[in-house]
Amino acid sequence: MKTLQLKFDYSRVNPVRWLNVLKQKVKAFDIKPNPPVIPELFAAIEKNYEADPALVFGNLYKILEISPQNYEALLMLSEMCLNYGKMQEGCTVALLGAKHYKNDFNFHKLLGSYFGYLGDLQASAKSFKRALELNPNSISLQYLLQAAQKKKVNIAPREYISNLFNNYADTYEVSLLQNLEYKSHIELVDYLRLLIPQEPVDSLLDLGCGTGLFGHEFTKKVEVKKLVGVDLSENMLTKSKEKNIYTELHQSDLIEYLQKVNTPFDIITLTDVLVYIGDLEPVIANSYKALKPGGYLGFTVEALDSGTYELNINGRYRHSLSYITTLNNRYRFGKIYSKTIALRKEYGNNVAGYLVLLQK
């Protein structure tokens, strides 16, 4: 696969050309820009941020038409473009932000992500380094720099995961279900139902439960007496609690929680969770101990053709099925079931993954 090499020069960013692009984008709105409009536009953005992304994009363009150097609009538009896969557009906005606010680490961090997605790892690492210079205590930036440098890292830092999902909680389900067409939680529930010998299920441990997508889907189709959710993110747990389906919810590192389990579970699940853990051995080993005999460990991973695991520029890991099979045999799970699935969409393309069940 050919790597796209992009060489951006900050000095070549032309604000006049960018303004012309913005003017084309706002033609349909038929407004006469004036400063008092800006607070109203931001108020509409706050009100509709989760429900109407198109309105949010439109209002951000309007604000930048009025005030091309508006910090909040530049930053929000840069982040929105990244979330919605508008890579070239978002990179241009982030470059403008970095040009106007040279000592703001946020724009350099965003540029690190954009350059990485666009295939220029050298530029990505350079941007993450600059962001780290401006914010030297950021563990998240250190982790993303390691990803851009293709360094061997066993697990994403807790701070990175908790910050990521605390900030993502409000828009998580809209982004995942509507924009990324995520269905892994449904696939795992249906796969489990083929193998569960009887209902109701006495106990299920939902590790990395997030907003409760898997738990909600499971309880729609299967009766479960005790459903326990565990997540690092406080804001994601708040969303889970709103669904009123969990018997217990705990804010904890998943491996630490597994090590404290006294009463074994019938089922342990991790959907879209192991993408933040490279070395799966502690998860597999402690899950075995926390399962009843005959119990199931069910999870999804992004697919890697060979080797063990690999950290991608987006801060997510891929794992090979041969690596998982090795761990299955090492910890003496009785059976392994697996199939290839499309985990979600990413920039219009399916992300290949494996759905795996290990039976104790």
Protein backbone atom coordinates (compact mmCIF):
# COMPACT_ATOMS: atom_id res chain seq x y z
CA MET A 1 0.00 0.00 0.00
CA LYS A 2 1.49 3.32 -1.05
CA THR A 3 2.02 5.80 1.78
CA LEU A 4 0.80 9.32 1.17
CA GLN A 5 3.58 11.77 1.95
CA LEU A 6 2.37 15.28 2.74
CA LYS A 7 4.69 18.19 3.33
CA PHE A 8 2.85 21.15 4.80
CA ASP A 9 4.51 24.53 5.15
CA TYR A 10 2.90 26.82 7.72
CA SER A 11 4.07 29.85 5.77
CA ARG A 12 2.07 28.78 2.74
CA VAL A 13 -1.29 28.74 4.49
CA ASN A 14 -3.23 31.51 2.76
CA PRO A 15 -5.95 33.03 4.99
CA VAL A 16 -7.45 34.85 2.01
CA ARG A 17 -7.88 31.60 0.11
CA TRP A 18 -9.35 29.99 3.22
CA LEU A 19 -11.81 32.85 3.61
CA ASN A 20 -12.91 32.39 0.03
CA VAL A 21 -13.59 28.72 0.73
CA LEU A 22 -15.60 29.68 3.80
CA LYS A 23 -17.61 32.19 1.80
CA GLN A 24 -18.57 29.49 -0.66
CA LYS A 25 -19.68 27.26 2.20
CA VAL A 26 -21.93 29.88 3.78
CA LYS A 27 -23.59 31.18 0.62
CA ALA A 28 -26.68 29.11 1.29
CA PHE A 29 -27.18 30.65 4.72
CA ASP A 30 -27.95 34.15 3.33
CA ILE A 31 -26.83 36.13 6.39
CA LYS A 32 -25.18 39.48 6.89
CA PRO A 33 -22.30 38.76 9.23
CA ASN A 34 -21.90 41.00 12.24
CA PRO A 35 -20.23 40.40 15.61
CA PRO A 36 -23.38 40.18 17.77
CA VAL A 37 -24.36 37.06 15.81
CA ILE A 38 -21.44 35.03 17.18
CA PRO A 39 -22.82 34.38 20.70
CA GLU A 40 -26.10 33.24 19.18
CA LEU A 41 -24.28 30.86 16.84
CA PHE A 42 -22.28 29.38 19.70
CA ALA A 43 -25.47 28.99 21.76
CA ALA A 44 -27.05 27.02 18.90
CA ILE A 45 -23.91 24.88 18.65
CA GLU A 46 -24.06 24.03 22.36
CA LYS A 47 -27.75 23.18 22.11
CA ASN A 48 -27.42 20.97 19.01
CA TYR A 49 -23.88 19.60 19.34
CA GLU A 50 -24.92 16.00 19.80
CA ALA A 51 -28.15 15.92 17.81
CA ASP A 52 -27.36 17.94 14.67
CA PRO A 53 -23.71 17.83 13.50
CA ALA A 54 -24.61 19.47 10.17
CA LEU A 55 -25.93 22.54 11.98
CA VAL A 56 -22.80 22.63 14.14
CA PHE A 57 -20.50 22.55 11.11
CA GLY A 58 -22.58 25.24 9.42
CA ASN A 59 -22.50 27.54 12.43
CA LEU A 60 -18.75 27.14 12.85
CA TYR A 61 -18.23 28.17 9.24
CA LYS A 62 -20.47 31.18 9.82
CA ILE A 63 -18.43 32.21 12.87
CA LEU A 64 -15.17 31.95 10.93
CA GLU A 65 -16.66 34.00 8.12
CA ILE A 66 -17.30 36.72 10.66
CA SER A 67 -14.14 36.24 12.73
CA PRO A 68 -11.47 34.19 10.89
CA GLN A 69 -9.18 33.99 13.94
CA ASN A 70 -11.84 33.00 16.46
CA TYR A 71 -9.98 30.56 18.73
CA GLU A 72 -12.95 28.55 19.95
CA ALA A 73 -14.38 28.10 16.44
CA LEU A 74 -11.03 27.08 14.95
CA LEU A 75 -10.41 24.54 17.69
CA MET A 76 -13.92 23.13 17.66
CA LEU A 77 -13.96 22.84 13.87
CA SER A 78 -10.55 21.13 13.91
CA GLU A 79 -11.83 18.59 16.41
CA MET A 80 -15.15 18.07 14.61
CA CYS A 81 -13.42 17.41 11.29
CA LEU A 82 -11.22 14.80 12.95
CA ASN A 83 -14.20 13.08 14.55
CA TYR A 84 -16.10 13.01 11.27
CA GLY A 85 -13.21 11.98 9.03
CA LYS A 86 -12.83 15.28 7.15
CA MET A 87 -9.05 14.94 7.10
CA GLN A 88 -7.85 17.42 4.48
CA GLU A 89 -10.33 20.07 5.59
CA GLY A 90 -9.57 19.57 9.27
CA CYS A 91 -5.82 19.63 8.69
CA THR A 92 -6.15 22.99 6.95
CA VAL A 93 -8.17 24.40 9.86
CA ALA A 94 -5.65 23.06 12.41
CA LEU A 95 -2.81 24.61 10.41
CA LEU A 96 -4.58 27.97 10.56
CA GLY A 97 -5.09 27.53 14.28
CA ALA A 98 -1.40 26.75 14.80
CA LYS A 99 -0.47 29.76 12.65
CA HIS A 100 -2.58 32.15 14.72
CA TYR A 101 -1.98 30.49 18.11
CA LYS A 102 1.58 29.20 17.85
CA ASN A 103 1.94 28.36 21.53
CA ASP A 104 -1.34 26.49 21.91
CA PHE A 105 -0.60 22.78 22.21
CA ASN A 106 -4.12 21.75 21.12
CA PHE A 107 -3.61 22.67 17.47
CA HIS A 108 -0.21 20.93 17.33
CA LYS A 109 -1.76 17.83 18.90
CA LEU A 110 -4.51 17.85 16.30
CA LEU A 111 -1.94 18.29 13.53
CA GLY A 112 -0.08 15.25 14.88
CA SER A 113 -3.26 13.21 14.46
CA TYR A 114 -4.07 14.63 11.03
CA PHE A 115 -0.58 14.07 9.62
CA GLY A 116 -0.60 10.54 10.98
CA TYR A 117 -3.94 9.68 9.40
CA LEU A 118 -2.78 11.21 6.13
CA GLY A 119 0.34 9.02 6.12
CA ASP A 120 3.12 11.46 7.03
CA LEU A 121 4.50 9.92 10.25
CA GLN A 122 7.52 12.22 10.28
CA ALA A 123 5.31 15.33 10.29
CA SER A 124 3.02 13.66 12.81
CA ALA A 125 5.88 13.00 15.24
CA LYS A 126 7.15 16.57 14.76
CA SER A 127 3.74 18.01 15.66
CA PHE A 128 3.32 15.77 18.69
CA LYS A 129 6.82 16.75 19.86
CA ARG A 130 5.91 20.44 19.57
CA ALA A 131 2.67 19.84 21.48
CA LEU A 132 4.63 18.00 24.17
CA GLU A 133 7.08 20.91 24.45
CA LEU A 134 4.11 23.18 25.14
CA ASN A 135 2.46 20.69 27.51
CA PRO A 136 5.34 18.60 28.88
CA ASN A 137 3.35 16.77 31.58
CA SER A 138 0.81 15.23 29.20
CA ILE A 139 0.93 11.44 29.33
CA SER A 140 -1.53 11.32 26.44
CA LEU A 141 0.83 13.28 24.19
CA GLN A 142 3.74 11.04 25.16
CA TYR A 143 1.65 8.02 24.16
CA LEU A 144 0.60 9.49 20.81
CA LEU A 145 4.20 10.45 20.06
CA GLN A 146 5.24 6.85 20.75
CA ALA A 147 2.56 5.66 18.33
CA ALA A 148 3.79 8.03 15.62
CA GLN A 149 7.34 6.80 16.22
CA LYS A 150 6.17 3.16 16.00
CA LYS A 151 7.57 2.32 19.41
CA LYS A 152 6.64 -0.87 21.26
CA VAL A 153 4.12 0.01 23.97
CA ASN A 154 2.17 -2.65 25.87
CA ILE A 155 -0.90 -0.65 26.93
CA ALA A 156 -2.43 2.80 26.57
CA PRO A 157 -1.95 4.99 29.68
CA ARG A 158 -4.93 5.27 32.03
CA GLU A 159 -4.90 9.07 31.72
CA TYR A 160 -5.14 8.82 27.95
CA ILE A 161 -8.13 6.47 28.09
CA SER A 162 -10.01 8.31 30.84
CA ASN A 163 -9.48 11.74 29.24
CA LEU A 164 -10.44 10.44 25.81
CA PHE A 165 -13.73 8.96 26.94
CA ASN A 166 -14.62 11.62 29.50
CA ASN A 167 -14.47 14.12 26.64
CA TYR A 168 -16.22 11.75 24.21
CA ALA A 169 -19.08 10.62 26.44
CA ASP A 170 -21.73 13.13 25.30
CA THR A 171 -21.32 12.36 21.59
CA TYR A 172 -20.12 8.76 21.89
CA GLU A 173 -23.25 6.89 20.85
CA VAL A 174 -24.19 9.27 18.02
CA SER A 175 -20.66 9.09 16.65
CA LEU A 176 -20.32 5.33 17.03
CA LEU A 177 -23.76 4.17 15.94
CA GLN A 178 -24.65 6.72 13.28
CA ASN A 179 -21.37 7.95 11.84
CA LEU A 180 -19.22 4.83 12.24
CA GLU A 181 -22.03 2.27 11.84
CA TYR A 182 -20.70 0.36 14.84
CA LYS A 183 -22.42 -3.00 15.44
CA SER A 184 -19.84 -5.09 17.31
CA HIS A 185 -21.93 -5.14 20.50
CA ILE A 186 -24.85 -6.63 18.57
CA GLU A 187 -22.59 -9.20 16.88
CA LEU A 188 -21.18 -10.31 20.24
CA VAL A 189 -24.61 -10.63 21.85
CA ASP A 190 -25.91 -12.73 18.96
CA TYR A 191 -22.79 -14.93 18.96
CA LEU A 192 -23.13 -15.56 22.70
CA ARG A 193 -26.80 -16.45 22.34
CA LEU A 194 -25.85 -19.30 20.02
CA LEU A 195 -23.74 -20.88 22.78
CA ILE A 196 -25.46 -20.00 26.04
CA PRO A 197 -26.95 -23.29 27.27
CA GLN A 198 -29.86 -21.78 29.15
CA GLU A 199 -31.47 -18.62 30.41
CA PRO A 200 -31.44 -16.70 32.62
CA VAL A 201 -27.72 -15.99 32.91
CA ASP A 202 -26.73 -15.68 36.56
CA SER A 203 -23.93 -13.13 36.15
CA LEU A 204 -22.18 -11.10 33.45
CA LEU A 205 -19.19 -8.78 33.82
CA ASP A 206 -19.11 -6.01 31.17
CA LEU A 207 -15.53 -4.71 31.19
CA GLY A 208 -15.06 -1.31 29.57
CA CYS A 209 -18.84 -0.96 29.58
CA GLY A 210 -18.72 2.63 28.31
CA THR A 211 -22.22 4.08 27.89
CA GLY A 212 -23.77 0.62 28.25
CA LEU A 213 -24.26 -0.28 24.59
CA PHE A 214 -23.45 -3.96 25.06
CA GLY A 215 -25.33 -4.25 28.34
CA HIS A 216 -28.42 -2.66 26.83
CA GLU A 217 -28.35 -4.96 23.80
CA PHE A 218 -27.76 -8.06 25.94
CA THR A 219 -30.58 -7.36 28.38
CA LYS A 220 -32.98 -6.78 25.49
CA LYS A 221 -32.43 -10.36 24.32
CA VAL A 222 -31.29 -12.34 27.37
CA GLU A 223 -32.40 -12.30 30.99
CA VAL A 224 -29.45 -11.76 33.32
CA LYS A 225 -29.73 -11.73 37.11
CA LYS A 226 -26.54 -9.78 37.85
CA LEU A 227 -24.99 -7.35 35.37
CA VAL A 228 -21.79 -5.58 36.48
CA GLY A 229 -20.21 -2.75 34.49
CA VAL A 230 -16.62 -1.52 34.86
CA ASP A 231 -15.02 1.49 33.15
CA LEU A 232 -12.21 3.99 33.72
CA SER A 233 -14.27 6.96 32.55
CA GLU A 234 -16.54 8.63 35.08
CA ASN A 235 -18.57 10.35 32.37
CA MET A 236 -19.15 7.13 30.46
CA LEU A 237 -20.34 5.44 33.66
CA THR A 238 -22.80 8.28 34.18
CA LYS A 239 -24.30 7.48 30.77
CA SER A 240 -24.44 3.78 31.67
CA LYS A 241 -26.23 4.54 34.91
CA GLU A 242 -28.92 6.44 33.00
CA LYS A 243 -29.86 3.21 31.19
CA ASN A 244 -30.82 1.63 34.53
CA ILE A 245 -29.75 -1.88 33.47
CA TYR A 246 -26.67 -2.55 35.62
CA THR A 247 -26.80 -4.18 39.03
CA GLU A 248 -23.44 -2.58 39.86
CA LEU A 249 -21.17 -0.01 38.20
CA HIS A 250 -17.51 0.47 39.15
CA GLN A 251 -14.91 3.02 38.07
CA SER A 252 -11.76 0.94 37.86
CA ASP A 253 -8.95 -0.38 35.71
CA LEU A 254 -10.25 -3.63 34.25
CA ILE A 255 -7.24 -5.79 35.16
CA GLU A 256 -7.26 -4.52 38.74
CA TYR A 257 -10.97 -5.28 38.97
CA LEU A 258 -10.48 -8.81 37.62
CA GLN A 259 -7.80 -9.48 40.22
CA LYS A 260 -10.28 -8.62 43.00
CA VAL A 261 -13.15 -10.82 41.77
CA ASN A 262 -14.21 -13.21 44.54
CA THR A 263 -17.36 -14.69 42.99
CA PRO A 264 -16.75 -15.98 39.44
CA PHE A 265 -18.95 -14.85 36.52
CA ASP A 266 -20.75 -16.86 33.86
CA ILE A 267 -19.72 -14.42 31.13
CA ILE A 268 -17.08 -11.71 30.82
CA THR A 269 -17.20 -9.34 27.84
CA LEU A 270 -15.01 -6.62 26.33
CA THR A 271 -16.35 -4.89 23.23
CA ASP A 272 -14.09 -2.32 21.55
CA VAL A 273 -11.93 -2.34 24.69
CA LEU A 274 -8.85 -4.41 23.84
CA VAL A 275 -7.96 -1.90 21.12
CA TYR A 276 -6.36 0.04 24.01
CA ILE A 277 -4.36 -2.92 25.34
CA GLY A 278 -1.50 -4.44 23.38
CA ASP A 279 -0.32 -7.24 25.67
CA LEU A 280 -3.45 -9.33 26.26
CA GLU A 281 -1.85 -11.87 28.57
CA PRO A 282 -2.88 -10.17 31.86
CA VAL A 283 -6.47 -9.88 30.57
CA ILE A 284 -6.69 -13.51 29.46
CA ALA A 285 -5.00 -14.87 32.59
CA ASN A 286 -7.13 -12.92 35.07
CA SER A 287 -10.34 -13.50 33.13
CA TYR A 288 -9.76 -17.25 33.34
CA LYS A 289 -9.60 -16.99 37.13
CA ALA A 290 -12.73 -14.81 37.26
CA LEU A 291 -14.89 -17.22 35.20
CA LYS A 292 -16.98 -20.14 36.35
CA PRO A 293 -16.14 -23.54 34.79
CA GLY A 294 -17.78 -23.56 31.36
CA GLY A 295 -18.02 -19.75 31.37
CA TYR A 296 -17.28 -17.55 28.37
CA LEU A 297 -14.87 -14.70 27.74
CA GLY A 298 -16.12 -12.71 24.73
CA PHE A 299 -14.32 -9.82 23.06
CA THR A 300 -13.53 -8.00 19.82
CA VAL A 301 -10.17 -6.86 18.45
CA GLU A 302 -8.99 -5.09 15.33
CA ALA A 303 -7.44 -7.60 12.96
CA LEU A 304 -3.69 -8.00 12.41
CA ASP A 305 -2.59 -10.52 9.79
CA SER A 306 0.60 -11.71 11.50
CA GLY A 307 2.79 -11.21 14.56
CA THR A 308 1.26 -10.49 17.97
CA TYR A 309 0.02 -6.91 18.30
CA GLU A 310 0.72 -3.50 16.80
CA LEU A 311 0.02 0.08 17.94
CA ASN A 312 -1.47 2.28 15.22
CA ILE A 313 -1.16 6.04 14.76
CA ASN A 314 -4.69 6.48 16.11
CA GLY A 315 -3.62 5.10 19.50
CA ARG A 316 -5.48 1.81 18.96
CA TYR A 317 -4.00 -1.69 18.84
CA ARG A 318 -4.51 -4.50 16.35
CA HIS A 319 -4.08 -8.17 17.32
CA SER A 320 -3.53 -11.35 15.35
CA LEU A 321 -5.72 -14.41 15.75
CA SER A 322 -2.62 -16.60 16.09
CA TYR A 323 -1.56 -14.54 19.12
CA ILE A 324 -4.99 -14.97 20.73
CA THR A 325 -4.91 -18.71 20.00
CA THR A 326 -1.51 -18.97 21.70
CA LEU A 327 -2.88 -17.29 24.84
CA ASN A 328 -5.99 -19.48 24.73
CA ASN A 329 -3.81 -22.58 24.79
CA ARG A 330 -1.41 -21.20 27.39
CA TYR A 331 -4.17 -20.56 29.91
CA ARG A 332 -6.01 -23.77 29.10
CA PHE A 333 -9.34 -22.43 27.94
CA GLY A 334 -11.35 -25.39 26.68
CA LYS A 335 -12.59 -24.03 23.37
CA ILE A 336 -12.08 -21.03 21.11
CA TYR A 337 -14.71 -19.67 18.74
CA SER A 338 -13.93 -16.83 16.35
CA LYS A 339 -15.10 -15.12 13.21
CA THR A 340 -14.09 -12.12 11.12
CA ILE A 341 -16.43 -9.14 11.30
CA ALA A 342 -16.58 -5.49 10.24
CA LEU A 343 -16.15 -3.62 13.53
CA ARG A 344 -17.16 -0.19 12.25
CA LYS A 345 -16.60 2.28 9.44
CA GLU A 346 -13.53 4.50 9.29
CA TYR A 347 -13.55 7.21 6.61
CA GLY A 348 -16.06 5.20 4.60
CA ASN A 349 -14.21 1.86 4.80
CA ASN A 350 -14.90 -1.17 6.98
CA VAL A 351 -12.46 -1.82 9.82
CA ALA A 352 -11.75 -5.56 9.88
CA GLY A 353 -11.76 -7.31 13.23
CA TYR A 354 -12.18 -10.59 15.04
CA LEU A 355 -15.02 -11.57 17.33
CA VAL A 356 -13.69 -14.15 19.78
CA LEU A 357 -15.23 -16.38 22.45
CA LEU A 358 -13.04 -18.43 24.80
CA GLN A 359 -14.79 -21.07 26.90
CA LYS A 360 -13.26 -22.15 30.20
